[in-house]
Amino acid sequence: MLKKLLMLLMLWVPVFAVAEPLPVEQIAPGIYVHHGVHRDIDADYGGDICNIGFIVGNKGVAVIDSGGSPRIGAQLREAIRNITQLPIRYVINTHVHPDHVFGNAAFKDDHPVFVGHEKLASAMMQRRDAYLRNQINWVGADAAGSELIPPTLAVHGSQTIDLGGRSLQLTAHAAAHTNNDLTVFDSATATLWTGDLLFVERTPSIDGDLKGWLTVIPQLRSIPAQRAVPGHGPVVADWRSALDDESRYLATLLEDVRAAIKQGKSMEQAIGESTQSEQGRWVLFDIVNRRNIGRVFPELEWE
C-alpha cells in the first residue's frame, strides 16, 4: 500500500503548468512575499500556511521556501514569471517542515541549485516516508507530484550567494525550531528571512531544541535588518520586539515545565497548567502549546 502511495505522489500532473499565480506583496525593491494563513498542519490544511516568496537580482531569482505542495510551488512560480523572466537560480529551504518544502518539485525543470542547512538532507531522509504518507491527507489531490528534494548546496556556518547586484547571506543555525534552521539576509534591502526562527501572531512551535532556540534568538538580534519576514505572520519592521514576544513565550514554557517537573506533576497536569499566562496572546495557542509541552516535558525530565 505504501509503495503504491509513494508511486502516486511521484506522478507529475500537467495542470501545475497552468496554475494561477499566488498573490505576492513587494515589501522592498526586488523582495516579494506570499503570506500564508494561520492554520495547523492537519487534514486538508491546503499547503498554504507559511510565508514563501522570492528575491530578484540582476542575473536571477532566489526562491525562499516553496510551499506545502507542488501546486503551491507552481503558483509561486507563476507569480515569479508575472514579474520577471530571469532564470530561477536558487530554491532555498529554511528548514524541513512540509509546509515549506513540498513546492520544490514545481521548480525542477528550472534546474536551480537547491539550498539548505547541512542537516536538511538527513532530516528529509528521516521524515520522507511519514511526510509522503500524510501528504494526501494534508493537501488531497494537490499531493500528486510531491517529493522531498534535498539540497545540492548544503550550508555550514555562513555562506554568500550572488544574484547579480545583490548578495544573500545564508546562515545555518544550531538546533532551535528544528535542527536544520537557515536564515537568509538580503544586504541590498536589509531584509531578513527568518524561516520559523521567528513566529509573529502564531504560537511558536518546537521541533528542535527549546534551550537552543533561546540561545539563537540573541544571535538573530545582531543582524542589521530593517525588516523581517517571519515563517508565519506579517512582515515586521519592529522585528526585535517580535523576537521579545517569542522569547517571552519560550522562556515561560521552559520555566513552567521545569517547575511542574520539580513539583512532581505529570505531563498531563503540565499541559493543563503550564504557559497559561500566554493564553490569548497567540493564534492556535491551545493546539500548539499542548504539542510543545508534550515535546519538551520528557526532555526536561532528564536535565
C-alpha atoms as a PDB file:
ATOM      1  CA  MET A   1       0.000   0.000   0.000  1.00  0.00           C
ATOM      2  CA  LEU A   2       2.785   2.428   0.939  1.00  0.00           C
ATOM      3  CA  LYS A   3       4.618   1.632  -2.298  1.00  0.00           C
ATOM      4  CA  LYS A   4       1.516   2.447  -4.348  1.00  0.00           C
ATOM      5  CA  LEU A   5       1.012   5.653  -2.413  1.00  0.00           C
ATOM      6  CA  LEU A   6       4.585   6.751  -2.989  1.00  0.00           C
ATOM      7  CA  MET A   7       4.245   5.982  -6.709  1.00  0.00           C
ATOM      8  CA  LEU A   8       1.087   8.100  -6.865  1.00  0.00           C
ATOM      9  CA  LEU A   9       2.829  11.000  -5.179  1.00  0.00           C
ATOM     10  CA  MET A  10       5.721  10.858  -7.624  1.00  0.00           C
ATOM     11  CA  LEU A  11       3.425  11.366 -10.638  1.00  0.00           C
ATOM     12  CA  TRP A  12       3.589  14.755 -12.312  1.00  0.00           C
ATOM     13  CA  VAL A  13       0.234  16.331 -13.131  1.00  0.00           C
ATOM     14  CA  PRO A  14       0.364  18.757 -16.125  1.00  0.00           C
ATOM     15  CA  VAL A  15      -2.263  21.069 -14.576  1.00  0.00           C
ATOM     16  CA  PHE A  16       0.546  22.574 -12.478  1.00  0.00           C
ATOM     17  CA  ALA A  17       1.879  24.183 -15.645  1.00  0.00           C
ATOM     18  CA  VAL A  18      -1.216  26.385 -15.857  1.00  0.00           C
ATOM     19  CA  ALA A  19      -1.526  27.173 -12.159  1.00  0.00           C
ATOM     20  CA  GLU A  20      -2.980  30.524 -11.130  1.00  0.00           C
ATOM     21  CA  PRO A  21      -0.253  32.778  -9.710  1.00  0.00           C
ATOM     22  CA  LEU A  22      -0.162  33.287  -5.977  1.00  0.00           C
ATOM     23  CA  PRO A  23      -0.775  36.830  -4.758  1.00  0.00           C
ATOM     24  CA  VAL A  24       2.505  38.390  -3.656  1.00  0.00           C
ATOM     25  CA  GLU A  25       3.445  41.652  -1.973  1.00  0.00           C
ATOM     26  CA  GLN A  26       6.599  43.599  -2.783  1.00  0.00           C
ATOM     27  CA  ILE A  27       7.906  44.554   0.674  1.00  0.00           C
ATOM     28  CA  ALA A  28      11.164  46.110  -0.578  1.00  0.00           C
ATOM     29  CA  PRO A  29      12.759  46.540  -4.018  1.00  0.00           C
ATOM     30  CA  GLY A  30      13.008  43.067  -5.561  1.00  0.00           C
ATOM     31  CA  ILE A  31      11.615  41.292  -2.460  1.00  0.00           C
ATOM     32  CA  TYR A  32       8.257  39.536  -2.850  1.00  0.00           C
ATOM     33  CA  VAL A  33       6.292  37.669  -0.190  1.00  0.00           C
ATOM     34  CA  HIS A  34       3.200  35.483  -0.282  1.00  0.00           C
ATOM     35  CA  HIS A  35       1.538  35.372   3.121  1.00  0.00           C
ATOM     36  CA  GLY A  36       0.293  32.010   4.368  1.00  0.00           C
ATOM     37  CA  VAL A  37      -2.826  31.681   6.513  1.00  0.00           C
ATOM     38  CA  HIS A  38      -2.883  30.695  10.180  1.00  0.00           C
ATOM     39  CA  ARG A  39      -3.879  27.034  10.107  1.00  0.00           C
ATOM     40  CA  ASP A  40      -2.418  23.992  11.795  1.00  0.00           C
ATOM     41  CA  ILE A  41      -0.993  21.177   9.698  1.00  0.00           C
ATOM     42  CA  ASP A  42      -3.867  18.727   9.805  1.00  0.00           C
ATOM     43  CA  ALA A  43      -6.327  17.101   7.413  1.00  0.00           C
ATOM     44  CA  ASP A  44      -6.968  19.285   4.362  1.00  0.00           C
ATOM     45  CA  TYR A  45      -4.819  22.174   5.603  1.00  0.00           C
ATOM     46  CA  GLY A  46      -4.136  23.015   1.960  1.00  0.00           C
ATOM     47  CA  GLY A  47      -0.377  23.531   1.915  1.00  0.00           C
ATOM     48  CA  ASP A  48      -0.524  27.328   2.149  1.00  0.00           C
ATOM     49  CA  ILE A  49       0.163  28.295   5.763  1.00  0.00           C
ATOM     50  CA  CYS A  50       3.686  29.730   5.805  1.00  0.00           C
ATOM     51  CA  ASN A  51       5.299  32.773   4.243  1.00  0.00           C
ATOM     52  CA  ILE A  52       7.060  31.986   0.979  1.00  0.00           C
ATOM     53  CA  GLY A  53       8.483  34.238  -1.696  1.00  0.00           C
ATOM     54  CA  PHE A  54      11.405  35.248  -3.845  1.00  0.00           C
ATOM     55  CA  ILE A  55      14.203  37.744  -4.362  1.00  0.00           C
ATOM     56  CA  VAL A  56      15.061  39.175  -7.791  1.00  0.00           C
ATOM     57  CA  GLY A  57      18.613  40.168  -8.674  1.00  0.00           C
ATOM     58  CA  ASN A  58      20.112  41.398 -11.944  1.00  0.00           C
ATOM     59  CA  LYS A  59      21.015  37.896 -13.093  1.00  0.00           C
ATOM     60  CA  GLY A  60      18.493  35.615 -11.471  1.00  0.00           C
ATOM     61  CA  VAL A  61      15.922  34.763  -8.831  1.00  0.00           C
ATOM     62  CA  ALA A  62      16.137  33.013  -5.460  1.00  0.00           C
ATOM     63  CA  VAL A  63      13.006  31.335  -4.086  1.00  0.00           C
ATOM     64  CA  ILE A  64      12.722  31.381  -0.300  1.00  0.00           C
ATOM     65  CA  ASP A  65      10.639  28.340   0.682  1.00  0.00           C
ATOM     66  CA  SER A  66       8.252  26.874  -1.841  1.00  0.00           C
ATOM     67  CA  GLY A  67       5.036  25.959  -0.007  1.00  0.00           C
ATOM     68  CA  GLY A  68       3.309  22.780   1.039  1.00  0.00           C
ATOM     69  CA  SER A  69       2.514  21.129  -2.304  1.00  0.00           C
ATOM     70  CA  PRO A  70       3.666  21.072  -5.928  1.00  0.00           C
ATOM     71  CA  ARG A  71       0.599  23.120  -6.814  1.00  0.00           C
ATOM     72  CA  ILE A  72       1.505  25.885  -4.354  1.00  0.00           C
ATOM     73  CA  GLY A  73       5.035  25.798  -5.731  1.00  0.00           C
ATOM     74  CA  ALA A  74       3.712  26.062  -9.296  1.00  0.00           C
ATOM     75  CA  GLN A  75       1.524  29.009  -8.319  1.00  0.00           C
ATOM     76  CA  LEU A  76       4.555  30.690  -6.765  1.00  0.00           C
ATOM     77  CA  ARG A  77       6.484  30.040  -9.961  1.00  0.00           C
ATOM     78  CA  GLU A  78       3.697  31.687 -11.977  1.00  0.00           C
ATOM     79  CA  ALA A  79       3.884  34.709  -9.670  1.00  0.00           C
ATOM     80  CA  ILE A  80       7.607  34.926 -10.396  1.00  0.00           C
ATOM     81  CA  ARG A  81       7.013  34.723 -14.145  1.00  0.00           C
ATOM     82  CA  ASN A  82       4.474  37.557 -13.910  1.00  0.00           C
ATOM     83  CA  ILE A  83       7.270  39.750 -12.589  1.00  0.00           C
ATOM     84  CA  THR A  84      10.460  38.562 -14.291  1.00  0.00           C
ATOM     85  CA  GLN A  85      11.722  36.113 -16.889  1.00  0.00           C
ATOM     86  CA  LEU A  86      15.158  35.905 -15.263  1.00  0.00           C
ATOM     87  CA  PRO A  87      16.295  32.354 -14.507  1.00  0.00           C
ATOM     88  CA  ILE A  88      15.361  30.832 -11.171  1.00  0.00           C
ATOM     89  CA  ARG A  89      18.866  30.072  -9.933  1.00  0.00           C
ATOM     90  CA  TYR A  90      18.192  29.037  -6.328  1.00  0.00           C
ATOM     91  CA  VAL A  91      15.450  27.410  -4.283  1.00  0.00           C
ATOM     92  CA  ILE A  92      16.281  27.930  -0.617  1.00  0.00           C
ATOM     93  CA  ASN A  93      14.562  25.929   2.119  1.00  0.00           C
ATOM     94  CA  THR A  94      14.711  27.454   5.595  1.00  0.00           C
ATOM     95  CA  HIS A  95      14.019  24.061   7.251  1.00  0.00           C
ATOM     96  CA  VAL A  96      12.462  20.654   6.720  1.00  0.00           C
ATOM     97  CA  HIS A  97       8.790  21.174   7.590  1.00  0.00           C
ATOM     98  CA  PRO A  98       6.341  20.086   4.865  1.00  0.00           C
ATOM     99  CA  ASP A  99       4.592  23.447   4.516  1.00  0.00           C
ATOM    100  CA  HIS A 100       7.943  24.944   3.464  1.00  0.00           C
ATOM    101  CA  VAL A 101       9.441  22.307   1.143  1.00  0.00           C
ATOM    102  CA  PHE A 102       6.896  20.331  -0.868  1.00  0.00           C
ATOM    103  CA  GLY A 103       6.636  23.058  -3.504  1.00  0.00           C
ATOM    104  CA  ASN A 104      10.236  22.379  -4.567  1.00  0.00           C
ATOM    105  CA  ALA A 105       9.075  19.898  -7.214  1.00  0.00           C
ATOM    106  CA  ALA A 106       7.488  22.698  -9.229  1.00  0.00           C
ATOM    107  CA  PHE A 107      10.950  24.162  -9.871  1.00  0.00           C
ATOM    108  CA  LYS A 108      12.773  21.016 -11.016  1.00  0.00           C
ATOM    109  CA  ASP A 109      12.635  21.949 -14.698  1.00  0.00           C
ATOM    110  CA  ASP A 110      14.367  25.252 -13.915  1.00  0.00           C
ATOM    111  CA  HIS A 111      17.406  23.255 -12.743  1.00  0.00           C
ATOM    112  CA  PRO A 112      18.103  25.565  -9.790  1.00  0.00           C
ATOM    113  CA  VAL A 113      20.573  24.991  -7.014  1.00  0.00           C
ATOM    114  CA  PHE A 114      18.531  23.673  -4.092  1.00  0.00           C
ATOM    115  CA  VAL A 115      19.904  25.185  -0.882  1.00  0.00           C
ATOM    116  CA  GLY A 116      19.533  24.219   2.763  1.00  0.00           C
ATOM    117  CA  HIS A 117      21.187  23.672   6.114  1.00  0.00           C
ATOM    118  CA  GLU A 118      23.872  20.997   6.179  1.00  0.00           C
ATOM    119  CA  LYS A 119      21.489  18.811   8.214  1.00  0.00           C
ATOM    120  CA  LEU A 120      18.472  19.312   5.952  1.00  0.00           C
ATOM    121  CA  ALA A 121      19.154  16.324   3.690  1.00  0.00           C
ATOM    122  CA  SER A 122      19.314  13.882   6.608  1.00  0.00           C
ATOM    123  CA  ALA A 123      16.173  15.399   8.149  1.00  0.00           C
ATOM    124  CA  MET A 124      14.344  14.928   4.848  1.00  0.00           C
ATOM    125  CA  MET A 125      15.500  11.327   4.637  1.00  0.00           C
ATOM    126  CA  GLN A 126      14.344  10.566   8.188  1.00  0.00           C
ATOM    127  CA  ARG A 127      10.886  12.085   7.617  1.00  0.00           C
ATOM    128  CA  ARG A 128      10.353  11.158   3.967  1.00  0.00           C
ATOM    129  CA  ASP A 129       8.044   8.164   4.385  1.00  0.00           C
ATOM    130  CA  ALA A 130       5.917   9.809   7.073  1.00  0.00           C
ATOM    131  CA  TYR A 131       5.593  13.076   5.166  1.00  0.00           C
ATOM    132  CA  LEU A 132       4.678  11.372   1.887  1.00  0.00           C
ATOM    133  CA  ARG A 133       2.221   9.081   3.663  1.00  0.00           C
ATOM    134  CA  ASN A 134       0.466  12.083   5.223  1.00  0.00           C
ATOM    135  CA  GLN A 135       0.617  14.363   2.198  1.00  0.00           C
ATOM    136  CA  ILE A 136      -2.612  13.134   0.593  1.00  0.00           C
ATOM    137  CA  ASN A 137      -4.446  13.671   3.874  1.00  0.00           C
ATOM    138  CA  TRP A 138      -2.914  17.131   4.211  1.00  0.00           C
ATOM    139  CA  VAL A 139      -3.496  18.511   0.702  1.00  0.00           C
ATOM    140  CA  GLY A 140      -5.670  15.980  -1.154  1.00  0.00           C
ATOM    141  CA  ALA A 141      -5.272  15.855  -4.930  1.00  0.00           C
ATOM    142  CA  ASP A 142      -2.575  18.543  -4.725  1.00  0.00           C
ATOM    143  CA  ALA A 143      -0.287  15.860  -3.286  1.00  0.00           C
ATOM    144  CA  ALA A 144       0.364  14.499  -6.804  1.00  0.00           C
ATOM    145  CA  GLY A 145       3.987  15.066  -7.737  1.00  0.00           C
ATOM    146  CA  SER A 146       5.124  15.537  -4.128  1.00  0.00           C
ATOM    147  CA  GLU A 147       8.719  14.680  -3.358  1.00  0.00           C
ATOM    148  CA  LEU A 148      11.357  15.841  -0.929  1.00  0.00           C
ATOM    149  CA  ILE A 149      14.248  17.341  -2.884  1.00  0.00           C
ATOM    150  CA  PRO A 150      17.412  17.594  -0.770  1.00  0.00           C
ATOM    151  CA  PRO A 151      19.837  20.483  -1.099  1.00  0.00           C
ATOM    152  CA  THR A 152      22.557  20.381  -3.714  1.00  0.00           C
ATOM    153  CA  LEU A 153      24.218  23.206  -1.777  1.00  0.00           C
ATOM    154  CA  ALA A 154      24.446  22.403   1.936  1.00  0.00           C
ATOM    155  CA  VAL A 155      25.271  25.403   4.121  1.00  0.00           C
ATOM    156  CA  HIS A 156      27.647  25.030   7.049  1.00  0.00           C
ATOM    157  CA  GLY A 157      28.133  28.167   9.115  1.00  0.00           C
ATOM    158  CA  SER A 158      27.651  31.133   6.807  1.00  0.00           C
ATOM    159  CA  GLN A 159      27.773  31.372   3.024  1.00  0.00           C
ATOM    160  CA  THR A 160      27.014  34.049   0.438  1.00  0.00           C
ATOM    161  CA  ILE A 161      25.320  33.614  -2.928  1.00  0.00           C
ATOM    162  CA  ASP A 162      25.129  36.230  -5.669  1.00  0.00           C
ATOM    163  CA  LEU A 163      22.021  37.062  -7.715  1.00  0.00           C
ATOM    164  CA  GLY A 164      23.704  39.859  -9.638  1.00  0.00           C
ATOM    165  CA  GLY A 165      23.775  43.210  -7.905  1.00  0.00           C
ATOM    166  CA  ARG A 166      22.643  41.687  -4.617  1.00  0.00           C
ATOM    167  CA  SER A 167      24.209  39.155  -2.308  1.00  0.00           C
ATOM    168  CA  LEU A 168      22.323  36.897   0.054  1.00  0.00           C
ATOM    169  CA  GLN A 169      23.971  35.792   3.285  1.00  0.00           C
ATOM    170  CA  LEU A 170      22.855  32.322   4.307  1.00  0.00           C
ATOM    171  CA  THR A 171      23.365  31.265   7.925  1.00  0.00           C
ATOM    172  CA  ALA A 172      22.952  27.740   9.250  1.00  0.00           C
ATOM    173  CA  HIS A 173      21.983  27.827  12.919  1.00  0.00           C
ATOM    174  CA  ALA A 174      22.392  25.400  15.790  1.00  0.00           C
ATOM    175  CA  ALA A 175      19.320  23.369  16.793  1.00  0.00           C
ATOM    176  CA  ALA A 176      16.424  25.665  17.669  1.00  0.00           C
ATOM    177  CA  HIS A 177      12.990  25.477  15.978  1.00  0.00           C
ATOM    178  CA  THR A 178      14.442  22.411  14.199  1.00  0.00           C
ATOM    179  CA  ASN A 179      17.975  21.084  13.897  1.00  0.00           C
ATOM    180  CA  ASN A 180      18.202  22.490  10.341  1.00  0.00           C
ATOM    181  CA  ASP A 181      17.186  26.172  10.529  1.00  0.00           C
ATOM    182  CA  LEU A 182      18.576  28.526   7.892  1.00  0.00           C
ATOM    183  CA  THR A 183      18.177  32.305   7.657  1.00  0.00           C
ATOM    184  CA  VAL A 184      18.596  34.497   4.578  1.00  0.00           C
ATOM    185  CA  PHE A 185      19.742  38.129   4.784  1.00  0.00           C
ATOM    186  CA  ASP A 186      19.499  40.428   1.777  1.00  0.00           C
ATOM    187  CA  SER A 187      22.014  43.203   2.395  1.00  0.00           C
ATOM    188  CA  ALA A 188      20.703  45.328  -0.504  1.00  0.00           C
ATOM    189  CA  THR A 189      17.411  45.980   1.321  1.00  0.00           C
ATOM    190  CA  ALA A 190      18.392  44.895   4.855  1.00  0.00           C
ATOM    191  CA  THR A 191      15.653  42.257   4.765  1.00  0.00           C
ATOM    192  CA  LEU A 192      15.942  39.143   6.925  1.00  0.00           C
ATOM    193  CA  TRP A 193      14.056  35.946   6.108  1.00  0.00           C
ATOM    194  CA  THR A 194      13.972  34.083   9.418  1.00  0.00           C
ATOM    195  CA  GLY A 195      12.087  30.944   8.476  1.00  0.00           C
ATOM    196  CA  ASP A 196      10.396  29.587  11.588  1.00  0.00           C
ATOM    197  CA  LEU A 197      13.015  31.010  13.917  1.00  0.00           C
ATOM    198  CA  LEU A 198      10.520  33.864  14.207  1.00  0.00           C
ATOM    199  CA  PHE A 199       6.764  33.485  14.619  1.00  0.00           C
ATOM    200  CA  VAL A 200       4.535  36.565  14.619  1.00  0.00           C
ATOM    201  CA  GLU A 201       0.952  36.187  15.934  1.00  0.00           C
ATOM    202  CA  ARG A 202       1.056  32.394  15.608  1.00  0.00           C
ATOM    203  CA  THR A 203       2.220  30.296  18.588  1.00  0.00           C
ATOM    204  CA  PRO A 204       5.871  29.262  18.147  1.00  0.00           C
ATOM    205  CA  SER A 205       6.164  25.506  17.654  1.00  0.00           C
ATOM    206  CA  ILE A 206       9.122  23.420  18.785  1.00  0.00           C
ATOM    207  CA  ASP A 207      10.584  20.583  16.769  1.00  0.00           C
ATOM    208  CA  GLY A 208      14.194  21.047  17.782  1.00  0.00           C
ATOM    209  CA  ASP A 209      15.724  22.346  20.989  1.00  0.00           C
ATOM    210  CA  LEU A 210      13.919  24.796  23.292  1.00  0.00           C
ATOM    211  CA  LYS A 211      17.042  25.934  25.124  1.00  0.00           C
ATOM    212  CA  GLY A 212      18.909  26.132  21.836  1.00  0.00           C
ATOM    213  CA  TRP A 213      16.209  28.386  20.392  1.00  0.00           C
ATOM    214  CA  LEU A 214      16.555  30.756  23.332  1.00  0.00           C
ATOM    215  CA  THR A 215      20.287  30.858  22.567  1.00  0.00           C
ATOM    216  CA  VAL A 216      19.797  31.553  18.853  1.00  0.00           C
ATOM    217  CA  ILE A 217      17.419  34.490  19.414  1.00  0.00           C
ATOM    218  CA  PRO A 218      20.161  36.855  20.729  1.00  0.00           C
ATOM    219  CA  GLN A 219      22.271  35.898  17.701  1.00  0.00           C
ATOM    220  CA  LEU A 220      19.460  36.955  15.367  1.00  0.00           C
ATOM    221  CA  ARG A 221      19.262  40.342  17.088  1.00  0.00           C
ATOM    222  CA  SER A 222      22.784  41.200  15.894  1.00  0.00           C
ATOM    223  CA  ILE A 223      21.758  41.040  12.218  1.00  0.00           C
ATOM    224  CA  PRO A 224      21.429  44.615  10.851  1.00  0.00           C
ATOM    225  CA  ALA A 225      17.975  44.071   9.356  1.00  0.00           C
ATOM    226  CA  GLN A 226      15.387  46.795   8.849  1.00  0.00           C
ATOM    227  CA  ARG A 227      12.550  44.293   8.408  1.00  0.00           C
ATOM    228  CA  ALA A 228      11.990  40.584   8.905  1.00  0.00           C
ATOM    229  CA  VAL A 229       9.908  38.042   7.033  1.00  0.00           C
ATOM    230  CA  PRO A 230       8.855  35.512   9.679  1.00  0.00           C
ATOM    231  CA  GLY A 231       7.985  31.930   8.858  1.00  0.00           C
ATOM    232  CA  HIS A 232       4.407  32.695   9.900  1.00  0.00           C
ATOM    233  CA  GLY A 233       2.697  36.030  10.404  1.00  0.00           C
ATOM    234  CA  PRO A 234       3.044  39.521   8.940  1.00  0.00           C
ATOM    235  CA  VAL A 235       6.298  41.097   7.817  1.00  0.00           C
ATOM    236  CA  VAL A 236       7.547  43.312  10.637  1.00  0.00           C
ATOM    237  CA  ALA A 237       9.814  46.344  10.816  1.00  0.00           C
ATOM    238  CA  ASP A 238       9.945  46.210  14.613  1.00  0.00           C
ATOM    239  CA  TRP A 239      11.112  42.621  14.401  1.00  0.00           C
ATOM    240  CA  ARG A 240      13.225  42.705  17.553  1.00  0.00           C
ATOM    241  CA  SER A 241      10.058  43.406  19.564  1.00  0.00           C
ATOM    242  CA  ALA A 242       8.522  40.378  17.853  1.00  0.00           C
ATOM    243  CA  LEU A 243      11.564  38.392  18.985  1.00  0.00           C
ATOM    244  CA  ASP A 244      10.904  39.679  22.510  1.00  0.00           C
ATOM    245  CA  ASP A 245       7.389  38.220  22.373  1.00  0.00           C
ATOM    246  CA  GLU A 246       8.652  34.904  21.075  1.00  0.00           C
ATOM    247  CA  SER A 247      11.435  34.771  23.641  1.00  0.00           C
ATOM    248  CA  ARG A 248       8.965  35.504  26.437  1.00  0.00           C
ATOM    249  CA  TYR A 249       6.744  32.605  25.383  1.00  0.00           C
ATOM    250  CA  LEU A 250       9.648  30.177  25.053  1.00  0.00           C
ATOM    251  CA  ALA A 251      11.196  31.224  28.380  1.00  0.00           C
ATOM    252  CA  THR A 252       7.815  30.908  30.106  1.00  0.00           C
ATOM    253  CA  LEU A 253       7.371  27.453  28.618  1.00  0.00           C
ATOM    254  CA  LEU A 254      10.794  26.394  29.873  1.00  0.00           C
ATOM    255  CA  GLU A 255      10.248  27.841  33.359  1.00  0.00           C
ATOM    256  CA  ASP A 256       6.726  26.466  33.794  1.00  0.00           C
ATOM    257  CA  VAL A 257       7.528  22.942  32.629  1.00  0.00           C
ATOM    258  CA  ARG A 258      10.644  22.822  34.795  1.00  0.00           C
ATOM    259  CA  ALA A 259       8.544  23.908  37.768  1.00  0.00           C
ATOM    260  CA  ALA A 260       5.911  21.253  37.059  1.00  0.00           C
ATOM    261  CA  ILE A 261       8.566  18.549  36.911  1.00  0.00           C
ATOM    262  CA  LYS A 262      10.147  19.764  40.146  1.00  0.00           C
ATOM    263  CA  GLN A 263       6.730  19.609  41.835  1.00  0.00           C
ATOM    264  CA  GLY A 264       6.276  16.012  40.693  1.00  0.00           C
ATOM    265  CA  LYS A 265       3.406  16.787  38.325  1.00  0.00           C
ATOM    266  CA  SER A 266       2.536  14.569  35.368  1.00  0.00           C
ATOM    267  CA  MET A 267       2.801  15.629  31.740  1.00  0.00           C
ATOM    268  CA  GLU A 268      -0.978  15.918  31.526  1.00  0.00           C
ATOM    269  CA  GLN A 269      -1.002  18.220  34.543  1.00  0.00           C
ATOM    270  CA  ALA A 270       1.737  20.308  32.963  1.00  0.00           C
ATOM    271  CA  ILE A 271      -0.222  20.524  29.708  1.00  0.00           C
ATOM    272  CA  GLY A 272      -3.256  21.841  31.568  1.00  0.00           C
ATOM    273  CA  GLU A 273      -1.352  24.368  33.680  1.00  0.00           C
ATOM    274  CA  SER A 274       1.904  25.470  32.025  1.00  0.00           C
ATOM    275  CA  THR A 275       2.306  28.654  29.997  1.00  0.00           C
ATOM    276  CA  GLN A 276      -1.265  29.787  30.655  1.00  0.00           C
ATOM    277  CA  SER A 277      -0.063  33.361  31.114  1.00  0.00           C
ATOM    278  CA  GLU A 278       0.473  33.351  27.324  1.00  0.00           C
ATOM    279  CA  GLN A 279      -3.115  32.333  26.589  1.00  0.00           C
ATOM    280  CA  GLY A 280      -4.816  34.932  24.419  1.00  0.00           C
ATOM    281  CA  ARG A 281      -1.573  36.322  23.039  1.00  0.00           C
ATOM    282  CA  TRP A 282      -1.179  33.807  20.203  1.00  0.00           C
ATOM    283  CA  VAL A 283      -3.160  32.186  17.398  1.00  0.00           C
ATOM    284  CA  LEU A 284      -3.594  28.373  17.641  1.00  0.00           C
ATOM    285  CA  PHE A 285      -2.382  28.532  21.229  1.00  0.00           C
ATOM    286  CA  ASP A 286      -4.246  25.543  22.665  1.00  0.00           C
ATOM    287  CA  ILE A 287      -3.187  23.202  19.857  1.00  0.00           C
ATOM    288  CA  VAL A 288       0.444  24.235  19.555  1.00  0.00           C
ATOM    289  CA  ASN A 289       1.149  24.869  23.233  1.00  0.00           C
ATOM    290  CA  ARG A 290      -0.109  21.402  24.149  1.00  0.00           C
ATOM    291  CA  ARG A 291       2.148  19.903  21.494  1.00  0.00           C
ATOM    292  CA  ASN A 292       5.122  21.925  22.716  1.00  0.00           C
ATOM    293  CA  ILE A 293       4.712  20.778  26.302  1.00  0.00           C
ATOM    294  CA  GLY A 294       4.377  17.187  25.164  1.00  0.00           C
ATOM    295  CA  ARG A 295       7.686  17.530  23.350  1.00  0.00           C
ATOM    296  CA  VAL A 296       9.776  19.333  25.965  1.00  0.00           C
ATOM    297  CA  PHE A 297       8.459  17.639  29.137  1.00  0.00           C
ATOM    298  CA  PRO A 298      10.289  14.301  28.581  1.00  0.00           C
ATOM    299  CA  GLU A 299      13.495  16.104  27.629  1.00  0.00           C
ATOM    300  CA  LEU A 300      13.473  18.380  30.673  1.00  0.00           C
ATOM    301  CA  GLU A 301      12.842  15.408  32.966  1.00  0.00           C
ATOM    302  CA  TRP A 302      16.395  14.328  32.170  1.00  0.00           C
ATOM    303  CA  GLU A 303      18.102  17.638  32.913  1.00  0.00           C
END
